[in-house]
N, C-alpha and C. Protein backbone atom coordinates (compact mmCIF):
# COMPACT_ATOMS: atom_id res chain seq x y z
N UNK A 1 -71.21 35.57 -101.14
CA UNK A 1 -72.62 36.28 -100.43
C UNK A 1 -72.40 38.43 -101.47
N UNK A 2 -73.16 38.05 -101.93
CA UNK A 2 -72.96 39.97 -102.44
C UNK A 2 -73.39 40.30 -101.36
N UNK A 3 -72.92 41.86 -101.60
CA UNK A 3 -73.66 43.39 -100.50
C UNK A 3 -74.94 43.64 -101.31
N UNK A 4 -75.96 44.45 -100.39
CA UNK A 4 -77.02 44.50 -100.95
C UNK A 4 -77.14 46.08 -100.47
N UNK A 5 -77.25 46.99 -101.57
CA UNK A 5 -77.27 48.63 -100.87
C UNK A 5 -78.60 49.05 -100.49
N UNK A 6 -79.17 49.29 -99.23
CA UNK A 6 -80.48 50.13 -99.05
C UNK A 6 -79.74 51.27 -98.80
N UNK A 7 -80.72 52.52 -99.96
CA UNK A 7 -80.21 53.48 -99.78
C UNK A 7 -81.78 54.44 -99.41
N UNK A 8 -83.09 53.43 -99.59
CA UNK A 8 -84.09 54.20 -98.83
C UNK A 8 -84.59 53.14 -97.77
N UNK A 9 -85.54 53.83 -97.33
CA UNK A 9 -87.01 52.97 -96.72
C UNK A 9 -87.38 52.03 -97.90
N UNK A 10 -87.55 52.70 -98.96
CA UNK A 10 -88.47 51.64 -99.84
C UNK A 10 -87.66 50.21 -100.32
N UNK A 11 -86.42 50.98 -99.95
CA UNK A 11 -85.14 49.70 -100.79
C UNK A 11 -84.81 47.79 -99.60
N UNK A 12 -85.28 48.92 -98.64
CA UNK A 12 -85.28 47.92 -96.98
C UNK A 12 -86.46 46.99 -97.82
N UNK A 13 -87.71 47.87 -97.57
CA UNK A 13 -89.11 47.07 -97.68
C UNK A 13 -89.09 46.26 -98.41
N UNK A 14 -88.59 46.70 -99.76
CA UNK A 14 -88.68 45.69 -100.83
C UNK A 14 -87.82 44.57 -100.90
N UNK A 15 -86.81 44.82 -100.27
CA UNK A 15 -85.68 43.58 -99.95
C UNK A 15 -86.43 42.34 -99.04
N UNK A 16 -87.13 43.55 -97.74
CA UNK A 16 -87.46 42.65 -96.81
C UNK A 16 -88.79 41.75 -97.44
N UNK A 17 -89.46 42.06 -98.07
CA UNK A 17 -90.54 41.77 -99.17
C UNK A 17 -89.83 40.08 -100.26
N UNK A 18 -88.87 40.54 -101.18
CA UNK A 18 -88.36 39.45 -101.85
C UNK A 18 -87.46 38.38 -100.68
N UNK A 19 -86.74 39.16 -99.95
CA UNK A 19 -86.57 37.69 -98.32
C UNK A 19 -87.90 36.64 -97.64
N UNK A 20 -88.86 37.27 -97.80
CA UNK A 20 -89.68 36.72 -97.04
C UNK A 20 -90.82 35.73 -98.22
N UNK A 21 -90.76 36.37 -99.72
CA UNK A 21 -91.26 35.23 -100.24
C UNK A 21 -90.41 34.19 -100.92
N UNK A 22 -88.41 34.57 -100.77
CA UNK A 22 -87.82 33.23 -100.84
C UNK A 22 -88.35 32.02 -99.89
N UNK A 23 -88.61 32.48 -98.60
CA UNK A 23 -88.90 31.34 -98.00
C UNK A 23 -89.94 30.88 -97.58
N UNK A 24 -90.73 31.66 -98.47
CA UNK A 24 -92.17 30.91 -98.00
C UNK A 24 -91.84 29.79 -99.61
N UNK A 25 -91.39 30.49 -100.50
CA UNK A 25 -91.30 28.90 -101.27
C UNK A 25 -90.21 28.02 -101.20
N UNK A 26 -89.51 27.97 -99.96
CA UNK A 26 -87.94 27.09 -99.44
C UNK A 26 -88.65 26.28 -98.73
N UNK A 27 -89.86 27.12 -97.96
CA UNK A 27 -90.19 25.87 -97.16
C UNK A 27 -91.42 24.95 -97.15
N UNK A 28 -91.97 25.19 -98.64
CA UNK A 28 -92.79 24.12 -99.35
C UNK A 28 -92.22 23.84 -99.81
N UNK A 29 -92.96 21.77 -99.27
CA UNK A 29 -92.00 21.16 -100.24
C UNK A 29 -92.95 20.80 -101.96
N UNK A 30 -91.27 19.94 -102.78
CA UNK A 30 -92.52 19.74 -104.27
C UNK A 30 -93.52 18.79 -104.00
N UNK A 31 -94.06 19.30 -105.30
CA UNK A 31 -95.72 18.34 -104.98
C UNK A 31 -95.92 17.56 -104.80
N UNK A 32 -94.13 16.83 -106.14
CA UNK A 32 -94.25 15.53 -106.79
C UNK A 32 -93.75 14.59 -105.17
N UNK A 33 -92.86 15.33 -104.00
CA UNK A 33 -92.73 14.80 -102.71
C UNK A 33 -93.82 14.34 -102.07
N UNK A 34 -95.07 15.36 -101.79
CA UNK A 34 -96.01 15.08 -100.66
C UNK A 34 -97.10 13.75 -101.56
N UNK A 35 -96.68 13.66 -102.96
CA UNK A 35 -96.94 12.70 -103.40
C UNK A 35 -96.95 11.00 -103.55
N UNK A 36 -95.08 11.61 -103.13
CA UNK A 36 -94.61 10.48 -103.17
C UNK A 36 -94.38 9.73 -101.80
N UNK A 37 -94.71 10.59 -100.62
CA UNK A 37 -94.95 10.06 -99.26
C UNK A 37 -96.33 9.80 -99.07
N UNK A 38 -96.60 10.63 -100.14
CA UNK A 38 -98.27 9.36 -99.51
C UNK A 38 -98.51 8.39 -100.03
N UNK A 39 -98.26 7.70 -100.90
CA UNK A 39 -97.73 7.10 -101.84
C UNK A 39 -97.13 5.66 -100.74
N UNK A 40 -96.21 5.91 -100.48
CA UNK A 40 -95.68 5.06 -99.66
C UNK A 40 -95.78 4.76 -98.49
N UNK A 41 -96.35 5.83 -97.45
CA UNK A 41 -97.50 5.79 -96.21
C UNK A 41 -98.66 5.03 -96.59
N UNK A 42 -99.21 4.93 -98.35
CA UNK A 42 -100.43 3.95 -98.11
C UNK A 42 -99.53 2.68 -98.32
N UNK A 43 -98.66 2.43 -99.38
CA UNK A 43 -98.23 1.07 -99.01
C UNK A 43 -97.45 0.22 -98.21
N UNK A 44 -96.85 1.19 -97.16
CA UNK A 44 -96.23 0.44 -96.00
C UNK A 44 -98.01 0.17 -94.68
N UNK A 45 -98.58 0.97 -95.21
CA UNK A 45 -100.32 0.41 -94.21
C UNK A 45 -100.95 -0.87 -95.01
N UNK A 46 -100.41 -1.05 -96.11
CA UNK A 46 -101.20 -2.08 -96.74
C UNK A 46 -100.03 -3.33 -96.10
N UNK A 47 -99.14 -2.94 -96.08
CA UNK A 47 -98.09 -3.85 -95.77
C UNK A 47 -98.23 -4.68 -94.42
N UNK A 48 -98.59 -3.62 -93.75
CA UNK A 48 -98.60 -3.68 -91.97
C UNK A 48 -100.01 -4.80 -91.93
N UNK A 49 -100.88 -4.28 -92.72
CA UNK A 49 -102.06 -5.14 -92.36
C UNK A 49 -102.22 -7.02 -93.24
N UNK A 50 -100.88 -6.39 -94.04
CA UNK A 50 -100.89 -7.55 -94.90
C UNK A 50 -100.49 -9.04 -93.56
N UNK A 51 -99.29 -8.28 -93.15
CA UNK A 51 -98.68 -8.91 -92.31
C UNK A 51 -99.51 -9.46 -91.59
N UNK A 52 -100.41 -8.19 -90.72
CA UNK A 52 -100.76 -9.41 -89.47
C UNK A 52 -102.27 -9.88 -90.33
N UNK A 53 -102.13 -10.23 -91.31
CA UNK A 53 -103.13 -11.02 -91.47
C UNK A 53 -102.80 -12.48 -91.59
N UNK A 54 -101.44 -12.17 -92.54
CA UNK A 54 -100.75 -13.74 -92.47
C UNK A 54 -99.93 -13.92 -91.28
N UNK A 55 -99.60 -13.27 -90.48
CA UNK A 55 -99.08 -14.24 -88.53
C UNK A 55 -100.38 -14.57 -88.36
N UNK A 56 -101.91 -14.16 -88.14
CA UNK A 56 -103.47 -14.51 -87.46
C UNK A 56 -103.08 -15.90 -88.60
N UNK A 57 -102.97 -15.78 -89.76
CA UNK A 57 -104.02 -17.18 -90.16
C UNK A 57 -102.79 -18.21 -89.88
N UNK A 58 -101.14 -17.54 -90.01
CA UNK A 58 -100.20 -18.82 -89.26
C UNK A 58 -100.47 -19.61 -87.95
N UNK A 59 -100.87 -18.49 -86.92
CA UNK A 59 -101.75 -19.11 -85.86
C UNK A 59 -102.63 -20.02 -85.80
N UNK A 60 -103.36 -19.80 -86.19
CA UNK A 60 -104.87 -20.73 -86.34
C UNK A 60 -104.44 -21.44 -87.15
N UNK A 61 -103.51 -21.90 -87.90
CA UNK A 61 -102.86 -22.89 -88.31
C UNK A 61 -101.78 -23.87 -87.33
N UNK A 62 -101.23 -23.35 -86.57
CA UNK A 62 -100.52 -24.14 -85.96
C UNK A 62 -101.56 -24.25 -84.72
N UNK A 63 -101.93 -23.79 -84.04
CA UNK A 63 -103.15 -24.18 -82.98
C UNK A 63 -103.82 -25.37 -83.32
N UNK A 64 -103.82 -25.76 -85.18
CA UNK A 64 -105.31 -26.78 -85.00
C UNK A 64 -104.48 -28.00 -85.45
N UNK A 65 -102.73 -27.26 -85.68
CA UNK A 65 -101.64 -28.73 -85.29
C UNK A 65 -101.76 -29.08 -83.63
N UNK A 66 -101.98 -28.67 -83.17
CA UNK A 66 -101.61 -29.11 -81.58
C UNK A 66 -102.85 -29.82 -80.89
């Protein structure tokens, strides 16, 4: 790690602003990650609904056999 020399109050303010800007960039996930997350959740929701529908239809078919 490199040492930062702060010789004046302006240097300290500038350094603080740079750190704040870096933190703001680091905290935001990339746009593609948000899109991938949303697509994954939609696919999982669709799969859950399809599984529920198929289980319901299988239950109806089994109840007809009795």
